[in-house]
Amino acid sequence: MQIRWLTAFLDFPARQFGSEVTFWRAIAGSTVSPPRGEHREFATLEPFNGDAHLRVQRIESGVGGVHVDIHTDDVRAAADEAVALGAVLAADNASFLVMESPAGLRFCLVPAAATARRSRPIRWPEDTISIIDQVCIDVPDFLFDREVSFWSELTGRPTLPARRPEFVRLQRDPRLALGILLQRLPFDGSAPTAAGLRATAHLDLATTSVDDEIARHEDWGATMVERFDSWAVMMDPAGRRYCITDRNPRTGN
């Protein structure tokens, strides 16, 4: 599969859509495109340079989340490849296909447009540099190894060790604005819930100063959940978790 671009979609329930778009636009340092789609349910967070890799969607049911669009030359051939690796076709929308990974994470295969250009990180007034540049796939422990193999084979990117043993990252493609990290979620021995049987995803932001970013995000209504040595777990105003991480915003490493 030739992956030409990756886009992260933030899927918001209708009641949260307006305020959540405002929050994510602010912390991304972007503008918002006019809405589009049959029900005006889609919009793009447009960077000040380069091409967009973050989009938003209003959904009519469910709690929302994050999913990835894979932009490729031949959507049908890419779907066949994904199915051979263990994915299933969830919906056929003619121009794009909705798939589910072996661990149940939804992603879309969409036609590639013209060659895309990575946007540059934003430099903020306090001289901090940051960019939202990574999708972290959160996988229940018993599904983790298969899910790692699936994404590595699908993208053609080898796995690399991360800072902690519960994480595995895929080697970044320098042409793309988004990287992929996978996190093993512990199983505590209790009966798994329906949600606990499936992978989910969240966004990670790379920054030169985690503490400066925390303060900026809190000004926009976010809450810090937990602080680690090199990253912080945050919660946006609607309760969606994401991470601020101490990584190079220009390379993602």
Foldseek 3Di string as FASTA:
>chain_A
DDFQEKAKEWEAEPVCPPLVVVLVLVLQVFDKAAFDDPVSFKIFGAHPDWGTRYIYGYDHDDHTAMEMEGADADQVVLVVVLVVLPKAFDDCPPQKTWIAHNQGGIYIYHHHDPRTAADAWDQDPVRKTKHFAEKEKEGEQVCQVSRVVSVCVSVVFDWDDDPDNQKIWTPDDLSYRHTYMYGYDYDPPDDDDPVNSHIGIAIEMEMQDQVVSVVVSVVSPKAWDDDDPFKTWIAHNVGHIYMYGHDDRNRRD
